[in-house]
């Protein structure tokens, strides 16, 4: 996949200061991802809990390098989330259990510091910058006693203005699994 090595490098840089690589597929109870939605909660229960039954939705495979191949889907819901986001993505496994969520928005003219050495700014939808002069800002915060990473990513246009922002809620077990997949892919001939 084009850009795979750059995206894997970004994921490693972003995640490795927090969890360690682990083949962790065990249930991890009590990790709240978003507004009462728990890690491994059934997709249909999640949709009902968030009141998204009537929201416009679509479902696509998650194809970002670094994620386990053919393992995750993303259900997209349009609406208003947290007052400023226009889209919510629920990432589920093959059994339709929720693994993480991301929100997307067009940010206001609030400037943030950015770097041109990042490549990917939306790992759920695998969105990368199109031009080397564009910048990306990533900020990682830990929530729920370190069991959940909140990743804020912003694509900065060539004039230094935010063009698109993503908030990604990533449970620690999934971050560990992504790091495990990355390290295994690097050791294959």
N, C-alpha and C. Protein backbone atom coordinates (compact mmCIF):
# COMPACT_ATOMS: atom_id res chain seq x y z
N UNK A 1 0.85 -1.18 0.00
CA UNK A 1 0.00 0.00 0.00
C UNK A 1 0.89 1.23 0.00
N UNK A 2 0.59 2.19 -0.84
CA UNK A 2 1.40 3.40 -0.95
C UNK A 2 1.43 4.14 0.39
N UNK A 3 2.62 4.55 0.78
CA UNK A 3 2.74 5.29 2.02
C UNK A 3 2.77 4.44 3.25
N UNK A 4 2.76 3.13 3.09
CA UNK A 4 2.69 2.23 4.22
C UNK A 4 3.82 2.42 5.21
N UNK A 5 5.04 2.52 4.74
CA UNK A 5 6.16 2.64 5.66
C UNK A 5 6.14 3.97 6.41
N UNK A 6 5.71 5.04 5.76
CA UNK A 6 5.63 6.34 6.43
C UNK A 6 4.53 6.34 7.49
N UNK A 7 3.41 5.70 7.19
CA UNK A 7 2.31 5.62 8.16
C UNK A 7 2.70 4.76 9.35
N UNK A 8 3.37 3.66 9.09
CA UNK A 8 3.83 2.79 10.18
C UNK A 8 4.82 3.55 11.07
N UNK A 9 5.70 4.33 10.46
CA UNK A 9 6.64 5.16 11.23
C UNK A 9 5.86 6.16 12.11
N UNK A 10 4.83 6.78 11.54
CA UNK A 10 4.00 7.72 12.32
C UNK A 10 3.32 7.02 13.49
N UNK A 11 2.73 5.86 13.24
CA UNK A 11 2.06 5.12 14.32
C UNK A 11 3.04 4.76 15.43
N UNK A 12 4.22 4.29 15.06
CA UNK A 12 5.23 3.93 16.06
C UNK A 12 5.62 5.14 16.90
N UNK A 13 5.89 6.27 16.23
CA UNK A 13 6.27 7.50 16.96
C UNK A 13 5.16 7.98 17.87
N UNK A 14 3.93 7.87 17.41
CA UNK A 14 2.78 8.37 18.15
C UNK A 14 2.45 7.48 19.35
N UNK A 15 2.50 6.16 19.16
CA UNK A 15 2.03 5.24 20.20
C UNK A 15 3.11 4.73 21.15
N UNK A 16 4.33 4.55 20.68
CA UNK A 16 5.34 3.88 21.50
C UNK A 16 5.70 4.56 22.82
N UNK A 17 5.54 5.87 22.99
CA UNK A 17 5.81 6.44 24.32
C UNK A 17 4.78 6.02 25.37
N UNK A 18 3.68 5.41 24.95
CA UNK A 18 2.59 5.13 25.89
C UNK A 18 2.45 3.64 26.19
N UNK A 19 1.84 2.82 25.34
CA UNK A 19 1.79 1.39 25.63
C UNK A 19 3.00 0.68 25.06
N UNK A 20 3.18 -0.59 25.43
CA UNK A 20 4.23 -1.43 24.87
C UNK A 20 3.60 -2.38 23.87
N UNK A 21 4.38 -2.86 22.93
CA UNK A 21 3.92 -3.83 21.95
C UNK A 21 3.48 -5.10 22.67
N UNK A 22 2.28 -5.60 22.34
CA UNK A 22 1.79 -6.84 22.95
C UNK A 22 0.73 -7.45 22.05
N UNK A 23 0.73 -8.76 21.96
CA UNK A 23 -0.31 -9.48 21.21
C UNK A 23 -1.50 -9.63 22.15
N UNK A 24 -2.13 -8.51 22.44
CA UNK A 24 -3.18 -8.45 23.44
C UNK A 24 -4.55 -8.48 22.76
N UNK A 25 -5.20 -9.63 22.80
CA UNK A 25 -6.54 -9.74 22.24
C UNK A 25 -7.55 -10.11 23.32
N UNK A 26 -7.12 -10.11 24.57
CA UNK A 26 -8.01 -10.46 25.68
C UNK A 26 -8.98 -9.31 25.96
N UNK A 27 -10.11 -9.67 26.51
CA UNK A 27 -11.10 -8.66 26.89
C UNK A 27 -10.49 -7.77 27.97
N UNK A 28 -10.75 -6.49 27.87
CA UNK A 28 -10.27 -5.52 28.85
C UNK A 28 -11.48 -4.75 29.35
N UNK A 29 -12.13 -5.25 30.38
CA UNK A 29 -13.37 -4.62 30.83
C UNK A 29 -13.13 -3.22 31.41
N UNK A 30 -14.20 -2.47 31.43
CA UNK A 30 -14.21 -1.17 32.09
C UNK A 30 -13.37 -0.09 31.41
N UNK A 31 -13.16 -0.20 30.12
CA UNK A 31 -12.52 0.90 29.39
C UNK A 31 -13.64 1.63 28.66
N UNK A 32 -13.97 2.82 29.16
CA UNK A 32 -14.97 3.63 28.48
C UNK A 32 -14.28 4.41 27.38
N UNK A 33 -14.79 4.25 26.16
CA UNK A 33 -14.18 4.90 25.01
C UNK A 33 -14.78 6.29 24.77
N UNK A 34 -16.11 6.33 24.78
CA UNK A 34 -16.77 7.59 24.43
C UNK A 34 -18.20 7.55 24.94
N UNK A 35 -18.57 8.49 25.79
CA UNK A 35 -19.95 8.69 26.26
C UNK A 35 -20.67 7.39 26.65
N UNK A 36 -20.05 6.61 27.50
CA UNK A 36 -20.67 5.38 27.98
C UNK A 36 -20.44 4.17 27.09
N UNK A 37 -19.77 4.35 25.96
CA UNK A 37 -19.46 3.23 25.08
C UNK A 37 -18.20 2.55 25.60
N UNK A 38 -18.31 1.25 25.83
CA UNK A 38 -17.18 0.50 26.36
C UNK A 38 -16.44 -0.27 25.29
N UNK A 39 -15.18 -0.52 25.58
CA UNK A 39 -14.33 -1.34 24.72
C UNK A 39 -14.96 -2.73 24.59
N UNK A 40 -15.12 -3.22 23.38
CA UNK A 40 -15.71 -4.51 23.01
C UNK A 40 -17.22 -4.56 23.19
N UNK A 41 -17.87 -3.41 23.35
CA UNK A 41 -19.34 -3.36 23.41
C UNK A 41 -19.88 -3.70 22.02
N UNK A 42 -21.02 -4.36 21.97
CA UNK A 42 -21.63 -4.71 20.69
C UNK A 42 -21.98 -3.44 19.91
N UNK A 43 -21.76 -3.49 18.60
CA UNK A 43 -22.01 -2.33 17.74
C UNK A 43 -23.45 -1.85 17.84
N UNK A 44 -24.43 -2.76 17.78
CA UNK A 44 -25.84 -2.36 17.84
C UNK A 44 -26.19 -1.70 19.17
N UNK A 45 -25.63 -2.21 20.26
CA UNK A 45 -25.85 -1.61 21.58
C UNK A 45 -25.24 -0.21 21.62
N UNK A 46 -24.07 -0.06 21.03
CA UNK A 46 -23.40 1.23 20.97
C UNK A 46 -24.23 2.25 20.19
N UNK A 47 -24.74 1.83 19.04
CA UNK A 47 -25.55 2.73 18.22
C UNK A 47 -26.78 3.19 19.00
N UNK A 48 -27.39 2.27 19.71
CA UNK A 48 -28.57 2.63 20.51
C UNK A 48 -28.18 3.55 21.67
N UNK A 49 -27.08 3.25 22.34
CA UNK A 49 -26.63 4.05 23.49
C UNK A 49 -26.33 5.49 23.08
N UNK A 50 -25.78 5.67 21.88
CA UNK A 50 -25.44 7.02 21.39
C UNK A 50 -26.58 7.69 20.64
N UNK A 51 -27.71 6.99 20.50
CA UNK A 51 -28.86 7.56 19.82
C UNK A 51 -28.63 7.75 18.33
N UNK A 52 -27.91 6.84 17.71
CA UNK A 52 -27.55 6.97 16.30
C UNK A 52 -28.39 6.09 15.37
N UNK A 53 -29.49 5.54 15.88
CA UNK A 53 -30.30 4.62 15.08
C UNK A 53 -30.77 5.26 13.77
N UNK A 54 -31.10 6.54 13.79
CA UNK A 54 -31.63 7.19 12.58
C UNK A 54 -30.56 8.00 11.84
N UNK A 55 -29.33 7.98 12.32
CA UNK A 55 -28.26 8.74 11.66
C UNK A 55 -27.85 8.05 10.36
N UNK A 56 -27.43 8.84 9.41
CA UNK A 56 -26.92 8.30 8.15
C UNK A 56 -25.61 7.58 8.46
N UNK A 57 -25.51 6.35 7.95
CA UNK A 57 -24.31 5.59 8.25
C UNK A 57 -23.84 4.80 7.04
N UNK A 58 -22.56 4.51 7.05
CA UNK A 58 -21.96 3.64 6.05
C UNK A 58 -20.90 2.81 6.76
N UNK A 59 -20.49 1.71 6.15
CA UNK A 59 -19.50 0.83 6.77
C UNK A 59 -18.42 0.51 5.75
N UNK A 60 -17.16 0.69 6.16
CA UNK A 60 -16.01 0.43 5.28
C UNK A 60 -14.93 -0.29 6.05
N UNK A 61 -14.09 -1.00 5.34
CA UNK A 61 -12.94 -1.67 5.95
C UNK A 61 -11.92 -0.63 6.39
N UNK A 62 -11.25 -0.88 7.51
CA UNK A 62 -10.13 -0.06 7.95
C UNK A 62 -8.89 -0.66 7.28
N UNK A 63 -8.24 0.12 6.42
CA UNK A 63 -7.14 -0.39 5.61
C UNK A 63 -5.81 0.32 5.90
N UNK A 64 -5.71 0.95 7.02
CA UNK A 64 -4.50 1.69 7.36
C UNK A 64 -3.35 0.72 7.66
N UNK A 65 -2.18 0.95 7.07
CA UNK A 65 -1.02 0.12 7.42
C UNK A 65 -0.77 0.17 8.92
N UNK A 66 -0.40 -0.97 9.48
CA UNK A 66 -0.15 -1.06 10.92
C UNK A 66 -1.30 -1.70 11.65
N UNK A 67 -2.51 -1.59 11.11
CA UNK A 67 -3.67 -2.25 11.71
C UNK A 67 -3.66 -3.71 11.25
N UNK A 68 -4.15 -4.62 12.08
CA UNK A 68 -4.24 -6.02 11.64
C UNK A 68 -5.08 -6.11 10.35
N UNK A 69 -4.56 -6.81 9.38
CA UNK A 69 -5.20 -6.93 8.07
C UNK A 69 -6.55 -7.64 8.15
N UNK A 70 -7.54 -7.12 7.43
CA UNK A 70 -8.88 -7.73 7.33
C UNK A 70 -9.54 -7.97 8.69
N UNK A 71 -9.31 -7.08 9.65
CA UNK A 71 -9.83 -7.28 11.00
C UNK A 71 -10.85 -6.25 11.46
N UNK A 72 -10.79 -5.04 10.92
CA UNK A 72 -11.62 -3.96 11.44
C UNK A 72 -12.44 -3.28 10.35
N UNK A 73 -13.62 -2.82 10.75
CA UNK A 73 -14.49 -2.01 9.90
C UNK A 73 -14.78 -0.71 10.62
N UNK A 74 -15.13 0.30 9.85
CA UNK A 74 -15.47 1.59 10.41
C UNK A 74 -16.88 1.96 9.97
N UNK A 75 -17.77 2.18 10.93
CA UNK A 75 -19.12 2.66 10.64
C UNK A 75 -19.13 4.17 10.82
N UNK A 76 -19.61 4.87 9.82
CA UNK A 76 -19.58 6.33 9.80
C UNK A 76 -20.97 6.89 10.05
N UNK A 77 -21.05 7.87 10.95
CA UNK A 77 -22.31 8.53 11.29
C UNK A 77 -22.12 10.03 11.15
N UNK A 78 -22.98 10.67 10.36
CA UNK A 78 -22.95 12.12 10.23
C UNK A 78 -23.84 12.74 11.30
N UNK A 79 -23.47 13.90 11.79
CA UNK A 79 -24.24 14.59 12.81
C UNK A 79 -23.39 15.62 13.52
N UNK A 80 -23.78 15.99 14.73
CA UNK A 80 -23.02 16.92 15.57
C UNK A 80 -22.56 16.15 16.80
N UNK A 81 -21.25 16.12 17.02
CA UNK A 81 -20.67 15.39 18.13
C UNK A 81 -19.75 16.31 18.91
N UNK A 82 -19.94 16.37 20.19
CA UNK A 82 -19.16 17.24 21.08
C UNK A 82 -19.19 18.69 20.63
N UNK A 83 -20.25 19.10 19.94
CA UNK A 83 -20.45 20.49 19.57
C UNK A 83 -19.65 20.99 18.38
N UNK A 84 -18.60 20.26 17.96
CA UNK A 84 -17.78 20.79 16.88
C UNK A 84 -17.40 19.76 15.82
N UNK A 85 -17.69 18.51 16.07
CA UNK A 85 -17.34 17.46 15.11
C UNK A 85 -18.55 17.12 14.27
N UNK A 86 -18.32 16.82 12.99
CA UNK A 86 -19.43 16.55 12.08
C UNK A 86 -19.56 15.08 11.69
N UNK A 87 -18.72 14.24 12.23
CA UNK A 87 -18.75 12.83 11.85
C UNK A 87 -18.20 12.00 12.99
N UNK A 88 -18.78 10.82 13.19
CA UNK A 88 -18.30 9.88 14.19
C UNK A 88 -18.05 8.56 13.50
N UNK A 89 -16.90 7.97 13.76
CA UNK A 89 -16.54 6.67 13.22
C UNK A 89 -16.45 5.68 14.37
N UNK A 90 -17.16 4.57 14.28
CA UNK A 90 -17.04 3.49 15.25
C UNK A 90 -16.27 2.37 14.58
N UNK A 91 -15.16 1.98 15.18
CA UNK A 91 -14.35 0.91 14.62
C UNK A 91 -14.71 -0.38 15.35
N UNK A 92 -15.08 -1.39 14.57
CA UNK A 92 -15.48 -2.67 15.13
C UNK A 92 -14.64 -3.80 14.53
N UNK A 93 -14.60 -4.91 15.25
CA UNK A 93 -13.91 -6.09 14.74
C UNK A 93 -14.89 -6.93 13.93
N UNK A 94 -14.46 -8.12 13.53
CA UNK A 94 -15.30 -9.00 12.70
C UNK A 94 -16.56 -9.45 13.44
N UNK A 95 -16.55 -9.44 14.77
CA UNK A 95 -17.71 -9.82 15.57
C UNK A 95 -18.59 -8.62 15.91
N UNK A 96 -18.34 -7.47 15.28
CA UNK A 96 -19.07 -6.22 15.51
C UNK A 96 -18.99 -5.73 16.95
N UNK A 97 -17.81 -5.89 17.56
CA UNK A 97 -17.54 -5.33 18.87
C UNK A 97 -16.77 -4.03 18.67
N UNK A 98 -17.11 -3.00 19.42
CA UNK A 98 -16.47 -1.69 19.26
C UNK A 98 -15.05 -1.72 19.81
N UNK A 99 -14.12 -1.27 18.98
CA UNK A 99 -12.72 -1.19 19.39
C UNK A 99 -12.27 0.23 19.65
N UNK A 100 -12.73 1.18 18.88
CA UNK A 100 -12.38 2.58 19.15
C UNK A 100 -13.31 3.49 18.37
N UNK A 101 -13.15 4.78 18.59
CA UNK A 101 -13.97 5.74 17.85
C UNK A 101 -13.12 6.94 17.48
N UNK A 102 -13.56 7.61 16.44
CA UNK A 102 -12.89 8.83 16.00
C UNK A 102 -13.95 9.81 15.56
N UNK A 103 -13.67 11.08 15.72
CA UNK A 103 -14.55 12.14 15.26
C UNK A 103 -13.76 13.02 14.31
N UNK A 104 -14.45 13.60 13.36
CA UNK A 104 -13.79 14.43 12.37
C UNK A 104 -14.51 15.76 12.28
N UNK A 105 -13.76 16.84 12.08
CA UNK A 105 -14.39 18.14 11.91
C UNK A 105 -13.52 19.03 11.06
N UNK A 106 -14.11 20.11 10.58
CA UNK A 106 -13.35 21.19 9.97
C UNK A 106 -13.13 22.21 11.08
N UNK A 107 -11.93 22.39 11.55
CA UNK A 107 -11.70 23.26 12.70
C UNK A 107 -11.87 24.74 12.38
N UNK A 108 -12.09 25.49 13.42
CA UNK A 108 -12.14 26.95 13.29
C UNK A 108 -10.73 27.45 13.02
N UNK A 109 -10.56 28.72 12.84
CA UNK A 109 -9.26 29.29 12.47
C UNK A 109 -8.28 29.34 13.62
N UNK A 110 -8.34 28.39 14.51
CA UNK A 110 -7.40 28.32 15.64
C UNK A 110 -6.11 27.68 15.16
N UNK A 111 -5.02 28.40 15.30
CA UNK A 111 -3.74 27.90 14.82
C UNK A 111 -3.07 27.02 15.89
N UNK A 112 -2.41 25.98 15.41
CA UNK A 112 -1.63 25.11 16.29
C UNK A 112 -0.28 24.88 15.65
N UNK A 113 0.71 24.57 16.48
CA UNK A 113 2.03 24.25 15.94
C UNK A 113 1.97 22.93 15.19
N UNK A 114 2.68 22.82 14.09
CA UNK A 114 2.66 21.61 13.29
C UNK A 114 4.05 21.31 12.76
N UNK A 115 4.21 20.09 12.33
CA UNK A 115 5.47 19.65 11.77
C UNK A 115 5.22 19.05 10.39
N UNK A 116 6.17 19.24 9.48
CA UNK A 116 6.03 18.68 8.13
C UNK A 116 6.57 17.26 8.05
N UNK A 117 7.12 16.73 9.15
CA UNK A 117 7.67 15.37 9.07
C UNK A 117 6.68 14.27 9.44
N UNK A 118 5.42 14.62 9.72
CA UNK A 118 4.36 13.62 9.88
C UNK A 118 3.74 13.37 8.51
N UNK A 119 3.19 12.17 8.31
CA UNK A 119 2.61 11.81 7.02
C UNK A 119 1.10 11.57 7.10
N UNK A 120 0.64 10.90 8.15
CA UNK A 120 -0.76 10.50 8.28
C UNK A 120 -1.42 11.28 9.42
N UNK A 121 -2.62 11.77 9.19
CA UNK A 121 -3.33 12.49 10.24
C UNK A 121 -4.66 11.84 10.62
N UNK A 122 -5.11 10.85 9.88
CA UNK A 122 -6.34 10.13 10.22
C UNK A 122 -6.09 8.65 9.95
N UNK A 123 -5.85 7.90 11.02
CA UNK A 123 -5.48 6.50 10.88
C UNK A 123 -6.68 5.59 10.64
N UNK A 124 -7.86 5.98 11.10
CA UNK A 124 -9.06 5.17 10.90
C UNK A 124 -9.46 5.17 9.43
N UNK A 125 -9.42 6.34 8.80
CA UNK A 125 -9.79 6.46 7.39
C UNK A 125 -8.58 6.51 6.46
N UNK A 126 -7.42 6.37 7.02
CA UNK A 126 -6.16 6.41 6.30
C UNK A 126 -6.08 7.63 5.39
N UNK A 127 -6.10 8.79 6.03
CA UNK A 127 -5.97 10.06 5.30
C UNK A 127 -4.57 10.61 5.57
N UNK A 128 -3.89 10.93 4.51
CA UNK A 128 -2.52 11.42 4.59
C UNK A 128 -2.44 12.78 3.92
N UNK A 129 -1.38 13.50 4.23
CA UNK A 129 -1.22 14.81 3.59
C UNK A 129 -0.79 14.60 2.14
N UNK A 130 -1.30 15.46 1.27
CA UNK A 130 -1.05 15.32 -0.16
C UNK A 130 0.25 16.01 -0.60
N UNK A 131 0.69 17.01 0.14
CA UNK A 131 1.87 17.78 -0.24
C UNK A 131 2.86 17.82 0.93
N UNK A 132 4.15 17.74 0.64
CA UNK A 132 5.15 17.75 1.71
C UNK A 132 5.13 19.02 2.56
N UNK A 133 4.68 20.15 2.00
CA UNK A 133 4.71 21.41 2.75
C UNK A 133 3.56 21.53 3.76
N UNK A 134 2.58 20.64 3.69
CA UNK A 134 1.50 20.65 4.67
C UNK A 134 2.03 20.15 6.01
N UNK A 135 1.44 20.62 7.07
CA UNK A 135 1.88 20.21 8.40
C UNK A 135 0.82 19.38 9.10
N UNK A 136 1.26 18.64 10.09
CA UNK A 136 0.37 17.84 10.92
C UNK A 136 0.78 18.03 12.37
N UNK A 137 -0.19 18.19 13.21
CA UNK A 137 0.03 18.27 14.65
C UNK A 137 -0.67 17.09 15.30
N UNK A 138 0.05 16.35 16.14
CA UNK A 138 -0.54 15.26 16.93
C UNK A 138 -0.29 15.56 18.40
N UNK A 139 -1.33 15.41 19.20
CA UNK A 139 -1.20 15.52 20.65
C UNK A 139 -1.86 14.29 21.26
N UNK A 140 -1.16 13.64 22.18
CA UNK A 140 -1.68 12.43 22.81
C UNK A 140 -1.90 12.71 24.29
N UNK A 141 -3.09 12.38 24.76
CA UNK A 141 -3.41 12.48 26.18
C UNK A 141 -3.91 11.13 26.66
N UNK A 142 -3.67 10.84 27.92
CA UNK A 142 -4.12 9.59 28.51
C UNK A 142 -5.37 9.85 29.35
N UNK A 143 -6.36 8.98 29.23
CA UNK A 143 -7.59 9.06 30.01
C UNK A 143 -7.87 7.73 30.67
N UNK A 144 -8.84 7.70 31.58
CA UNK A 144 -9.25 6.48 32.27
C UNK A 144 -8.06 5.73 32.87
N UNK A 145 -7.26 6.45 33.66
CA UNK A 145 -6.09 5.88 34.33
C UNK A 145 -5.10 5.24 33.34
N UNK A 146 -4.96 5.83 32.17
CA UNK A 146 -4.01 5.36 31.19
C UNK A 146 -4.51 4.24 30.30
N UNK A 147 -5.76 3.83 30.45
CA UNK A 147 -6.28 2.72 29.63
C UNK A 147 -6.82 3.19 28.28
N UNK A 148 -6.86 4.52 28.06
CA UNK A 148 -7.39 5.07 26.81
C UNK A 148 -6.49 6.22 26.36
N UNK A 149 -6.07 6.17 25.10
CA UNK A 149 -5.32 7.28 24.52
C UNK A 149 -6.29 8.16 23.76
N UNK A 150 -6.21 9.46 23.98
CA UNK A 150 -6.99 10.44 23.21
C UNK A 150 -5.99 11.17 22.31
N UNK A 151 -6.11 10.94 21.02
CA UNK A 151 -5.16 11.49 20.06
C UNK A 151 -5.86 12.59 19.26
N UNK A 152 -5.34 13.80 19.36
CA UNK A 152 -5.86 14.95 18.62
C UNK A 152 -4.91 15.21 17.46
N UNK A 153 -5.41 15.13 16.25
CA UNK A 153 -4.58 15.33 15.06
C UNK A 153 -5.19 16.43 14.20
N UNK A 154 -4.34 17.33 13.70
CA UNK A 154 -4.81 18.44 12.87
C UNK A 154 -3.92 18.53 11.64
N UNK A 155 -4.55 18.59 10.46
CA UNK A 155 -3.85 18.85 9.21
C UNK A 155 -3.80 20.36 9.03
N UNK A 156 -2.62 20.89 8.79
CA UNK A 156 -2.41 22.33 8.65
C UNK A 156 -2.11 22.64 7.18
N UNK A 157 -2.85 23.61 6.61
CA UNK A 157 -2.65 23.94 5.20
C UNK A 157 -1.35 24.71 5.01
N UNK A 158 -1.02 25.01 3.76
CA UNK A 158 0.25 25.66 3.43
C UNK A 158 0.35 27.09 3.96
N UNK A 159 -0.77 27.69 4.39
CA UNK A 159 -0.76 29.03 4.98
C UNK A 159 -0.78 28.98 6.50
N UNK A 160 -0.65 27.78 7.08
CA UNK A 160 -0.61 27.63 8.53
C UNK A 160 -1.96 27.55 9.20
N UNK A 161 -3.03 27.37 8.42
CA UNK A 161 -4.38 27.30 8.98
C UNK A 161 -4.83 25.84 9.09
N UNK A 162 -5.57 25.51 10.14
CA UNK A 162 -6.11 24.14 10.25
C UNK A 162 -7.08 23.85 9.10
N UNK A 163 -6.93 22.71 8.48
CA UNK A 163 -7.81 22.31 7.39
C UNK A 163 -8.76 21.19 7.81
N UNK A 164 -8.28 20.30 8.66
CA UNK A 164 -9.11 19.18 9.11
C UNK A 164 -8.55 18.69 10.44
N UNK A 165 -9.44 18.30 11.34
CA UNK A 165 -9.01 17.79 12.65
C UNK A 165 -9.71 16.49 12.95
N UNK A 166 -9.01 15.63 13.67
CA UNK A 166 -9.53 14.32 14.06
C UNK A 166 -9.23 14.11 15.53
N UNK A 167 -10.21 13.61 16.25
CA UNK A 167 -10.01 13.17 17.64
C UNK A 167 -10.22 11.66 17.63
N UNK A 168 -9.22 10.92 18.10
CA UNK A 168 -9.23 9.47 18.05
C UNK A 168 -9.13 8.92 19.47
N UNK A 169 -10.10 8.13 19.87
CA UNK A 169 -10.07 7.47 21.18
C UNK A 169 -9.59 6.04 20.97
N UNK A 170 -8.42 5.70 21.48
CA UNK A 170 -7.77 4.43 21.22
C UNK A 170 -7.52 3.68 22.54
N UNK A 171 -8.24 2.59 22.78
CA UNK A 171 -8.00 1.80 24.00
C UNK A 171 -6.57 1.23 23.99
N UNK A 172 -5.98 1.18 25.16
CA UNK A 172 -4.59 0.70 25.30
C UNK A 172 -4.40 -0.69 24.70
N UNK A 173 -5.31 -1.66 24.90
CA UNK A 173 -5.09 -2.98 24.28
C UNK A 173 -4.98 -2.93 22.75
N UNK A 174 -5.74 -2.05 22.11
CA UNK A 174 -5.65 -1.94 20.66
C UNK A 174 -4.34 -1.25 20.26
N UNK A 175 -3.92 -0.26 21.02
CA UNK A 175 -2.63 0.39 20.74
C UNK A 175 -1.49 -0.63 20.87
N UNK A 176 -1.57 -1.50 21.88
CA UNK A 176 -0.56 -2.55 22.06
C UNK A 176 -0.56 -3.50 20.86
N UNK A 177 -1.75 -3.87 20.37
CA UNK A 177 -1.86 -4.78 19.24
C UNK A 177 -1.32 -4.13 17.96
N UNK A 178 -1.60 -2.85 17.75
CA UNK A 178 -1.07 -2.14 16.58
C UNK A 178 0.45 -2.12 16.62
N UNK A 179 1.02 -1.81 17.79
CA UNK A 179 2.48 -1.83 17.91
C UNK A 179 3.05 -3.22 17.67
N UNK A 180 2.34 -4.25 18.11
CA UNK A 180 2.76 -5.64 17.87
C UNK A 180 2.76 -5.93 16.38
N UNK A 181 1.69 -5.53 15.67
CA UNK A 181 1.61 -5.75 14.22
C UNK A 181 2.73 -5.02 13.49
N UNK A 182 3.02 -3.81 13.93
CA UNK A 182 4.10 -3.03 13.32
C UNK A 182 5.44 -3.73 13.50
N UNK A 183 5.73 -4.18 14.72
CA UNK A 183 7.03 -4.83 14.96
C UNK A 183 7.15 -6.14 14.21
N UNK A 184 6.05 -6.89 14.07
CA UNK A 184 6.08 -8.14 13.31
C UNK A 184 6.26 -7.88 11.83
N UNK A 185 5.66 -6.82 11.29
CA UNK A 185 5.80 -6.54 9.86
C UNK A 185 7.23 -6.13 9.52
N UNK A 186 7.93 -5.54 10.46
CA UNK A 186 9.30 -5.10 10.22
C UNK A 186 10.27 -6.26 10.24
N UNK A 187 9.90 -7.38 10.85
CA UNK A 187 10.80 -8.53 10.96
C UNK A 187 10.55 -9.60 9.89
N UNK A 188 9.60 -9.35 8.99
CA UNK A 188 9.35 -10.30 7.89
C UNK A 188 10.35 -10.07 6.78
N UNK A 189 10.75 -11.14 6.09
CA UNK A 189 11.72 -10.98 4.99
C UNK A 189 11.10 -10.28 3.80
